[in-house]
Amino acid sequence: MAQQLLMNLFSKCSPPNRRERTAVMDAFFVGLVFGVAFGMLVVGFLAVGSYQRGFSQALERRREWRGELVARQVVARRALEQLRKAS
């Protein structure tokens, strides 16, 4: 569609000149499509890698958090037991 629009704009040129311009436009569009496809592929791999790193870091933080939570609960239970024994 875009190629037809551009061809209509340059239709006033001589046929050899028109062929040369369409070849340049075709090469540009092919390069653009390959560039966009390659960019999407690279960004996709970067996104997957980033997600994986974030997921593993979140699991590590959760383990640390869980360990601290258990330690605090143990200390709280001991303090309550001591208060019960004292009273």
C-alpha atoms as a PDB file:
ATOM      1  CA  MET A   1       0.000   0.000   0.000  1.00  0.00           C
ATOM      2  CA  ALA A   2       2.750   2.437   0.968  1.00  0.00           C
ATOM      3  CA  GLN A   3       4.779   1.304  -2.011  1.00  0.00           C
ATOM      4  CA  GLN A   4       1.872   2.043  -4.367  1.00  0.00           C
ATOM      5  CA  LEU A   5       1.438   5.471  -2.831  1.00  0.00           C
ATOM      6  CA  LEU A   6       5.121   6.247  -3.319  1.00  0.00           C
ATOM      7  CA  MET A   7       5.011   4.880  -6.867  1.00  0.00           C
ATOM      8  CA  ASN A   8       2.123   7.205  -7.662  1.00  0.00           C
ATOM      9  CA  LEU A   9       4.133  10.141  -6.371  1.00  0.00           C
ATOM     10  CA  PHE A  10       7.084   9.254  -8.573  1.00  0.00           C
ATOM     11  CA  SER A  11       5.052   8.120 -11.585  1.00  0.00           C
ATOM     12  CA  LYS A  12       5.907  11.339 -13.412  1.00  0.00           C
ATOM     13  CA  CYS A  13       9.556  10.258 -13.627  1.00  0.00           C
ATOM     14  CA  SER A  14      10.970   8.286 -16.523  1.00  0.00           C
ATOM     15  CA  PRO A  15      10.639   4.441 -16.260  1.00  0.00           C
ATOM     16  CA  PRO A  16      14.354   3.676 -15.596  1.00  0.00           C
ATOM     17  CA  ASN A  17      14.468   6.344 -12.910  1.00  0.00           C
ATOM     18  CA  ARG A  18      11.249   4.987 -11.406  1.00  0.00           C
ATOM     19  CA  ARG A  19      12.652   1.421 -11.276  1.00  0.00           C
ATOM     20  CA  GLU A  20      15.756   2.643  -9.514  1.00  0.00           C
ATOM     21  CA  ARG A  21      13.707   4.495  -6.915  1.00  0.00           C
ATOM     22  CA  THR A  22      11.408   1.531  -6.276  1.00  0.00           C
ATOM     23  CA  ALA A  23      14.456  -0.726  -5.831  1.00  0.00           C
ATOM     24  CA  VAL A  24      15.839   1.704  -3.248  1.00  0.00           C
ATOM     25  CA  MET A  25      12.462   1.884  -1.505  1.00  0.00           C
ATOM     26  CA  ASP A  26      12.152  -1.914  -1.500  1.00  0.00           C
ATOM     27  CA  ALA A  27      15.597  -2.229   0.039  1.00  0.00           C
ATOM     28  CA  PHE A  28      14.682   0.365   2.651  1.00  0.00           C
ATOM     29  CA  PHE A  29      11.447  -1.414   3.578  1.00  0.00           C
ATOM     30  CA  VAL A  30      13.165  -4.817   3.773  1.00  0.00           C
ATOM     31  CA  GLY A  31      15.868  -3.330   6.008  1.00  0.00           C
ATOM     32  CA  LEU A  32      13.258  -1.669   8.164  1.00  0.00           C
ATOM     33  CA  VAL A  33      11.305  -4.909   8.604  1.00  0.00           C
ATOM     34  CA  PHE A  34      14.441  -6.893   9.451  1.00  0.00           C
ATOM     35  CA  GLY A  35      15.569  -4.179  11.861  1.00  0.00           C
ATOM     36  CA  VAL A  36      12.264  -4.142  13.683  1.00  0.00           C
ATOM     37  CA  ALA A  37      12.165  -7.958  13.851  1.00  0.00           C
ATOM     38  CA  PHE A  38      15.729  -8.129  15.177  1.00  0.00           C
ATOM     39  CA  GLY A  39      14.993  -5.388  17.713  1.00  0.00           C
ATOM     40  CA  MET A  40      11.926  -7.212  18.978  1.00  0.00           C
ATOM     41  CA  LEU A  41      13.932 -10.413  19.314  1.00  0.00           C
ATOM     42  CA  VAL A  42      16.678  -8.701  21.313  1.00  0.00           C
ATOM     43  CA  VAL A  43      14.205  -6.878  23.554  1.00  0.00           C
ATOM     44  CA  GLY A  44      12.317 -10.135  24.107  1.00  0.00           C
ATOM     45  CA  PHE A  45      15.440 -11.964  25.250  1.00  0.00           C
ATOM     46  CA  LEU A  46      16.399  -9.051  27.499  1.00  0.00           C
ATOM     47  CA  ALA A  47      12.917  -9.018  29.026  1.00  0.00           C
ATOM     48  CA  VAL A  48      12.977 -12.756  29.729  1.00  0.00           C
ATOM     49  CA  GLY A  49      16.435 -12.499  31.289  1.00  0.00           C
ATOM     50  CA  SER A  50      15.389  -9.543  33.423  1.00  0.00           C
ATOM     51  CA  TYR A  51      12.250 -11.345  34.588  1.00  0.00           C
ATOM     52  CA  GLN A  52      14.285 -14.421  35.510  1.00  0.00           C
ATOM     53  CA  ARG A  53      16.800 -12.359  37.511  1.00  0.00           C
ATOM     54  CA  GLY A  54      14.007 -10.509  39.310  1.00  0.00           C
ATOM     55  CA  PHE A  55      12.211 -13.745  40.123  1.00  0.00           C
ATOM     56  CA  SER A  56      15.321 -15.361  41.601  1.00  0.00           C
ATOM     57  CA  GLN A  57      16.122 -12.231  43.626  1.00  0.00           C
ATOM     58  CA  ALA A  58      12.565 -12.151  44.962  1.00  0.00           C
ATOM     59  CA  LEU A  59      12.880 -15.785  46.059  1.00  0.00           C
ATOM     60  CA  GLU A  60      16.130 -15.001  47.862  1.00  0.00           C
ATOM     61  CA  ARG A  61      14.543 -12.017  49.612  1.00  0.00           C
ATOM     62  CA  ARG A  62      11.571 -14.154  50.588  1.00  0.00           C
ATOM     63  CA  ARG A  63      13.844 -16.773  52.163  1.00  0.00           C
ATOM     64  CA  GLU A  64      15.633 -14.091  54.173  1.00  0.00           C
ATOM     65  CA  TRP A  65      12.338 -12.504  55.162  1.00  0.00           C
ATOM     66  CA  ARG A  66      10.857 -15.849  56.164  1.00  0.00           C
ATOM     67  CA  GLY A  67      13.892 -16.681  58.299  1.00  0.00           C
ATOM     68  CA  GLU A  68      13.653 -13.334  60.078  1.00  0.00           C
ATOM     69  CA  LEU A  69       9.904 -13.797  60.616  1.00  0.00           C
ATOM     70  CA  VAL A  70      10.396 -17.231  62.190  1.00  0.00           C
ATOM     71  CA  ALA A  71      13.161 -15.884  64.437  1.00  0.00           C
ATOM     72  CA  ARG A  72      10.925 -13.011  65.607  1.00  0.00           C
ATOM     73  CA  GLN A  73       8.051 -15.401  66.293  1.00  0.00           C
ATOM     74  CA  VAL A  74      10.301 -17.651  68.377  1.00  0.00           C
ATOM     75  CA  VAL A  75      11.521 -14.678  70.418  1.00  0.00           C
ATOM     76  CA  ALA A  76       7.936 -13.473  70.910  1.00  0.00           C
ATOM     77  CA  ARG A  77       6.801 -16.939  72.062  1.00  0.00           C
ATOM     78  CA  ARG A  78       9.673 -17.158  74.544  1.00  0.00           C
ATOM     79  CA  ALA A  79       8.850 -13.709  75.910  1.00  0.00           C
ATOM     80  CA  LEU A  80       5.167 -14.661  76.328  1.00  0.00           C
ATOM     81  CA  GLU A  81       6.111 -17.934  78.040  1.00  0.00           C
ATOM     82  CA  GLN A  82       8.391 -16.077  80.450  1.00  0.00           C
ATOM     83  CA  LEU A  83       5.618 -13.597  81.207  1.00  0.00           C
ATOM     84  CA  ARG A  84       3.198 -16.474  81.920  1.00  0.00           C
ATOM     85  CA  LYS A  85       5.705 -18.201  84.187  1.00  0.00           C
ATOM     86  CA  ALA A  86       6.437 -14.963  86.011  1.00  0.00           C
ATOM     87  CA  SER A  87       2.797 -14.274  86.767  1.00  0.00           C
END
